[in-house]
Amino acid sequence: MGTMPGAITAWVEKRRIRPYFSTMFDRDETQSRPRWRWSITLVLIALNIIAFGVQFTLLPKVVDREYLVLSLPGIEHGYFWQLLTYQFMHANPLHLILNCWGLFVFGRPVEWAVGKARFLVVYFLGGIFGGLLQVMACYLWPYYFYGGMVGASAGLFGIIASFSMLFPEQPLLMLLFFVIPLKMRAKSLLALLLVTTGLGISFPRSILGGNIAHFAHLGGILTGLAFSRFYFLRSLRLQDPVGDSY
């Protein structure tokens, strides 16, 4: 995903929490290293990794994966648990790595800014709402959107949207195509995600559409935006994590 210079200091319900320094943020090396704190983000990453291993080893011996992958036929048959199980399944190692990396970079600052419980609500509701949108698209436009869906990206997009709303001026250094460095602020990343998602939905047969559940991404983004706009920004007092722009 990229690197993010700066530090995040947040207030939760008028109570200041310990300043958070991600390994993706530059910081003054003269400052003491913060103590390790238990993080639900790291737990989610670990669960995704474990689930991926089970998915390709034990799972085929126990149950057909089609019962766990989110799909229109599955929802029509009442397999509503798919809205949760699909979030812990991934298509391949790269798919898993990208989602876990995104969680590692964006998840911890959001978690420490809004709290573990609120973080989990945004993450899983983003995945559920995104999944429902994707299933709806499969029902309405089966020629363009079809097949099963796996991955944590809908929930991840909800977290990224929340991060961009909570810390819109946070500078980011993205690696375009994993090679080309590209500087932008968090609010610009959110705009970029909305544009690419919109293009993927509008042109599903193009290279932008690919084999990507863009409606699920959109659902995750909308969930993160809604929680941040109508709840987090009204109930939390957050300090700009960057300070002066550059």
Protein backbone atom coordinates (compact mmCIF):
# COMPACT_ATOMS: atom_id res chain seq x y z
CA MET A 1 0.00 0.00 0.00
CA GLY A 2 2.62 2.55 0.88
CA THR A 3 4.34 4.49 3.60
CA MET A 4 2.98 7.32 5.69
CA PRO A 5 5.29 9.89 7.28
CA GLY A 6 4.17 11.59 10.44
CA ALA A 7 2.64 10.56 13.74
CA ILE A 8 -0.92 10.16 14.90
CA THR A 9 -2.13 11.53 18.21
CA ALA A 10 -5.81 11.06 18.95
CA TRP A 11 -8.39 11.83 21.54
CA VAL A 12 -11.16 9.32 22.18
CA GLU A 13 -14.24 10.64 23.98
CA LYS A 14 -12.24 13.55 25.41
CA ARG A 15 -9.62 11.14 26.77
CA ARG A 16 -6.16 11.39 25.27
CA ILE A 17 -4.59 8.12 24.23
CA ARG A 18 -0.93 7.28 23.80
CA PRO A 19 0.55 8.73 20.58
CA TYR A 20 0.70 6.04 17.92
CA PHE A 21 3.70 5.59 15.64
CA SER A 22 3.26 3.11 12.83
CA THR A 23 6.31 1.65 11.19
CA MET A 24 4.95 3.35 8.08
CA PHE A 25 5.22 6.80 9.70
CA ASP A 26 8.44 8.75 9.99
CA ARG A 27 9.22 9.79 13.52
CA ASP A 28 11.95 11.49 15.49
CA GLU A 29 14.42 8.77 16.37
CA THR A 30 15.19 10.63 19.59
CA GLN A 31 11.71 9.83 20.84
CA SER A 32 11.29 6.73 22.91
CA ARG A 33 9.78 3.74 21.13
CA PRO A 34 6.18 3.22 22.28
CA ARG A 35 5.39 0.06 24.19
CA TRP A 36 3.79 -2.77 22.29
CA ARG A 37 0.03 -2.72 22.73
CA TRP A 38 -2.42 -5.50 22.02
CA SER A 39 -4.06 -4.72 18.69
CA ILE A 40 -7.22 -6.20 17.22
CA THR A 41 -5.82 -5.27 13.80
CA LEU A 42 -2.93 -7.68 14.27
CA VAL A 43 -5.38 -10.33 15.47
CA LEU A 44 -7.42 -9.90 12.27
CA ILE A 45 -4.27 -10.23 10.19
CA ALA A 46 -3.31 -13.41 12.03
CA LEU A 47 -6.81 -14.84 11.59
CA ASN A 48 -6.73 -14.13 7.86
CA ILE A 49 -3.37 -15.87 7.53
CA ILE A 50 -4.55 -18.89 9.53
CA ALA A 51 -7.79 -19.05 7.57
CA PHE A 52 -5.86 -18.97 4.30
CA GLY A 53 -3.77 -21.93 5.40
CA VAL A 54 -6.87 -23.86 6.47
CA GLN A 55 -8.63 -22.93 3.23
CA PHE A 56 -6.10 -24.80 1.10
CA THR A 57 -5.28 -27.68 3.47
CA LEU A 58 -7.98 -28.87 5.88
CA LEU A 59 -11.07 -27.17 4.47
CA PRO A 60 -11.37 -29.25 1.24
CA LYS A 61 -11.47 -32.40 3.40
CA VAL A 62 -14.27 -31.09 5.61
CA VAL A 63 -16.65 -28.93 3.58
CA ASP A 64 -17.16 -27.69 0.05
CA ARG A 65 -15.74 -24.16 -0.18
CA GLU A 66 -18.85 -23.07 -2.07
CA TYR A 67 -20.70 -23.10 1.24
CA LEU A 68 -18.33 -20.41 2.54
CA VAL A 69 -17.65 -18.29 -0.56
CA LEU A 70 -20.15 -15.45 -0.95
CA SER A 71 -22.40 -15.92 -3.97
CA LEU A 72 -25.88 -15.10 -5.21
CA PRO A 73 -26.98 -18.78 -5.24
CA GLY A 74 -25.66 -19.17 -1.69
CA ILE A 75 -27.67 -16.21 -0.39
CA GLU A 76 -30.74 -17.43 -2.31
CA HIS A 77 -30.37 -20.75 -0.49
CA GLY A 78 -30.20 -19.00 2.86
CA TYR A 79 -26.45 -19.38 3.47
CA PHE A 80 -26.25 -15.98 5.13
CA TRP A 81 -23.11 -16.94 7.03
CA GLN A 82 -21.30 -16.42 3.75
CA LEU A 83 -21.44 -12.68 4.43
CA LEU A 84 -18.95 -13.32 7.23
CA THR A 85 -16.96 -16.35 6.06
CA TYR A 86 -16.04 -14.88 2.69
CA GLN A 87 -14.15 -12.09 4.48
CA PHE A 88 -11.62 -14.64 5.80
CA MET A 89 -11.00 -16.37 2.45
CA HIS A 90 -8.62 -15.26 -0.30
CA ALA A 91 -8.00 -16.28 -3.89
CA ASN A 92 -4.21 -16.52 -3.74
CA PRO A 93 -1.18 -15.46 -1.65
CA LEU A 94 -0.90 -12.03 -3.33
CA HIS A 95 -4.55 -11.31 -2.58
CA LEU A 96 -3.93 -12.17 1.07
CA ILE A 97 -0.70 -10.16 1.31
CA LEU A 98 -2.22 -6.99 -0.14
CA ASN A 99 -5.23 -7.07 2.17
CA CYS A 100 -3.13 -7.85 5.26
CA TRP A 101 -0.66 -5.11 4.36
CA GLY A 102 -3.49 -2.62 3.95
CA LEU A 103 -4.87 -3.62 7.34
CA PHE A 104 -1.43 -3.27 8.92
CA VAL A 105 -0.91 0.24 7.54
CA PHE A 106 -4.37 1.75 7.92
CA GLY A 107 -6.01 -0.44 10.53
CA ARG A 108 -3.92 0.35 13.59
CA PRO A 109 -4.28 4.15 13.52
CA VAL A 110 -8.04 3.86 13.01
CA GLU A 111 -8.31 1.27 15.77
CA TRP A 112 -6.35 3.40 18.23
CA ALA A 113 -8.29 6.53 17.28
CA VAL A 114 -11.82 5.15 17.62
CA GLY A 115 -11.35 2.08 19.79
CA LYS A 116 -11.36 -1.65 19.16
CA ALA A 117 -15.14 -2.14 19.26
CA ARG A 118 -15.89 0.68 16.81
CA PHE A 119 -13.08 -0.48 14.56
CA LEU A 120 -14.54 -3.99 14.37
CA VAL A 121 -18.02 -2.62 13.65
CA VAL A 122 -16.75 -0.61 10.68
CA TYR A 123 -14.61 -3.47 9.40
CA PHE A 124 -17.23 -6.21 9.51
CA LEU A 125 -20.20 -4.05 8.54
CA GLY A 126 -18.15 -2.77 5.62
CA GLY A 127 -17.59 -6.38 4.57
CA ILE A 128 -21.25 -7.30 5.04
CA PHE A 129 -22.69 -4.26 3.28
CA GLY A 130 -20.12 -4.57 0.50
CA GLY A 131 -20.99 -8.22 0.09
CA LEU A 132 -24.69 -7.44 -0.13
CA LEU A 133 -24.05 -4.80 -2.79
CA GLN A 134 -22.00 -7.25 -4.83
CA VAL A 135 -24.70 -9.92 -4.57
CA MET A 136 -27.30 -7.34 -5.62
CA ALA A 137 -25.18 -6.48 -8.66
CA CYS A 138 -24.99 -10.18 -9.56
CA TYR A 139 -28.79 -10.37 -9.36
CA LEU A 140 -29.46 -7.21 -11.38
CA TRP A 141 -26.69 -7.52 -13.99
CA PRO A 142 -25.69 -11.20 -14.17
CA TYR A 143 -23.96 -10.73 -17.53
CA TYR A 144 -21.42 -8.35 -16.02
CA PHE A 145 -21.21 -9.50 -12.40
CA TYR A 146 -21.21 -13.17 -11.51
CA GLY A 147 -19.39 -15.87 -9.59
CA GLY A 148 -18.37 -16.20 -5.97
CA MET A 149 -16.49 -13.62 -3.95
CA VAL A 150 -13.73 -13.90 -1.36
CA GLY A 151 -11.46 -11.45 0.43
CA ALA A 152 -11.19 -8.88 3.19
CA SER A 153 -11.00 -5.92 0.83
CA ALA A 154 -14.55 -4.63 1.43
CA GLY A 155 -13.85 -4.29 5.15
CA LEU A 156 -10.40 -2.91 4.40
CA PHE A 157 -11.86 -0.23 2.12
CA GLY A 158 -14.16 0.76 4.96
CA ILE A 159 -11.13 1.21 7.22
CA ILE A 160 -9.25 3.21 4.57
CA ALA A 161 -12.30 5.46 4.11
CA SER A 162 -12.45 6.03 7.87
CA PHE A 163 -8.72 6.80 7.97
CA SER A 164 -9.10 9.31 5.14
CA MET A 165 -12.00 11.03 6.90
CA LEU A 166 -10.33 11.10 10.31
CA PHE A 167 -6.94 12.23 9.04
CA PRO A 168 -7.57 13.78 5.59
CA GLU A 169 -4.30 15.75 5.50
CA GLN A 170 -2.08 12.79 6.39
CA PRO A 171 0.70 12.57 3.76
CA LEU A 172 1.11 9.15 2.15
CA LEU A 173 3.79 7.70 -0.03
CA MET A 174 2.19 5.08 -2.27
CA LEU A 175 4.06 2.66 -4.47
CA LEU A 176 2.34 2.67 -7.85
CA PHE A 177 2.70 -0.75 -9.46
CA PHE A 178 4.86 -1.60 -6.41
CA VAL A 179 7.70 0.47 -7.88
CA ILE A 180 6.83 4.09 -8.67
CA PRO A 181 6.63 6.32 -5.55
CA LEU A 182 3.61 8.59 -5.55
CA LYS A 183 2.98 11.20 -2.84
CA MET A 184 -0.57 12.10 -1.92
CA ARG A 185 -2.69 12.95 1.08
CA ALA A 186 -5.23 10.61 2.61
CA LYS A 187 -8.17 12.56 1.17
CA SER A 188 -6.64 12.19 -2.30
CA LEU A 189 -6.29 8.44 -1.78
CA LEU A 190 -9.99 8.27 -0.92
CA ALA A 191 -10.86 10.20 -4.09
CA LEU A 192 -8.64 7.87 -6.12
CA LEU A 193 -10.35 4.79 -4.67
CA LEU A 194 -13.77 6.24 -5.47
CA VAL A 195 -12.74 7.01 -9.06
CA THR A 196 -11.18 3.61 -9.73
CA THR A 197 -14.13 1.84 -8.10
CA GLY A 198 -16.58 3.86 -10.18
CA LEU A 199 -14.67 3.09 -13.37
CA GLY A 200 -14.54 -0.60 -12.50
CA ILE A 201 -18.31 -0.65 -11.99
CA SER A 202 -18.98 1.35 -15.16
CA PHE A 203 -16.67 -0.75 -17.34
CA PRO A 204 -16.75 -4.26 -15.81
CA ARG A 205 -15.40 -5.93 -18.95
CA SER A 206 -12.38 -3.64 -19.19
CA ILE A 207 -8.98 -4.03 -17.56
CA LEU A 208 -10.30 -1.80 -14.76
CA GLY A 209 -13.12 -4.23 -14.08
CA GLY A 210 -11.16 -7.43 -14.17
CA ASN A 211 -11.99 -10.08 -11.62
CA ILE A 212 -12.56 -7.50 -8.88
CA ALA A 213 -15.66 -7.07 -6.72
CA HIS A 214 -15.96 -3.31 -7.17
CA PHE A 215 -19.46 -3.14 -5.71
CA ALA A 216 -18.11 -4.75 -2.55
CA HIS A 217 -15.36 -2.12 -2.42
CA LEU A 218 -17.97 0.60 -2.85
CA GLY A 219 -20.04 -0.82 -0.01
CA GLY A 220 -17.00 -0.82 2.25
CA ILE A 221 -16.13 2.76 1.34
CA LEU A 222 -19.70 3.96 1.96
CA THR A 223 -19.74 2.22 5.34
CA GLY A 224 -16.49 3.88 6.41
CA LEU A 225 -17.66 7.27 5.18
CA ALA A 226 -21.01 7.00 6.95
CA PHE A 227 -19.55 5.99 10.32
CA SER A 228 -16.84 8.64 10.13
CA ARG A 229 -19.07 11.47 8.97
CA PHE A 230 -22.08 10.86 11.21
CA TYR A 231 -20.47 9.28 14.27
CA PHE A 232 -16.70 9.46 14.68
CA LEU A 233 -16.26 13.09 13.66
CA ARG A 234 -19.15 14.13 15.89
CA SER A 235 -18.17 12.18 19.00
CA LEU A 236 -14.35 12.17 18.85
CA ARG A 237 -11.88 15.04 19.08
CA LEU A 238 -8.90 14.31 16.86
CA GLN A 239 -5.68 16.25 16.50
CA ASP A 240 -4.14 16.61 13.04
CA PRO A 241 -1.54 13.81 12.99
CA VAL A 242 0.72 15.68 10.63
CA GLY A 243 0.86 19.30 11.69
CA ASP A 244 2.24 21.62 9.02
CA SER A 245 1.90 20.45 5.44
CA TYR A 246 4.87 20.15 3.14
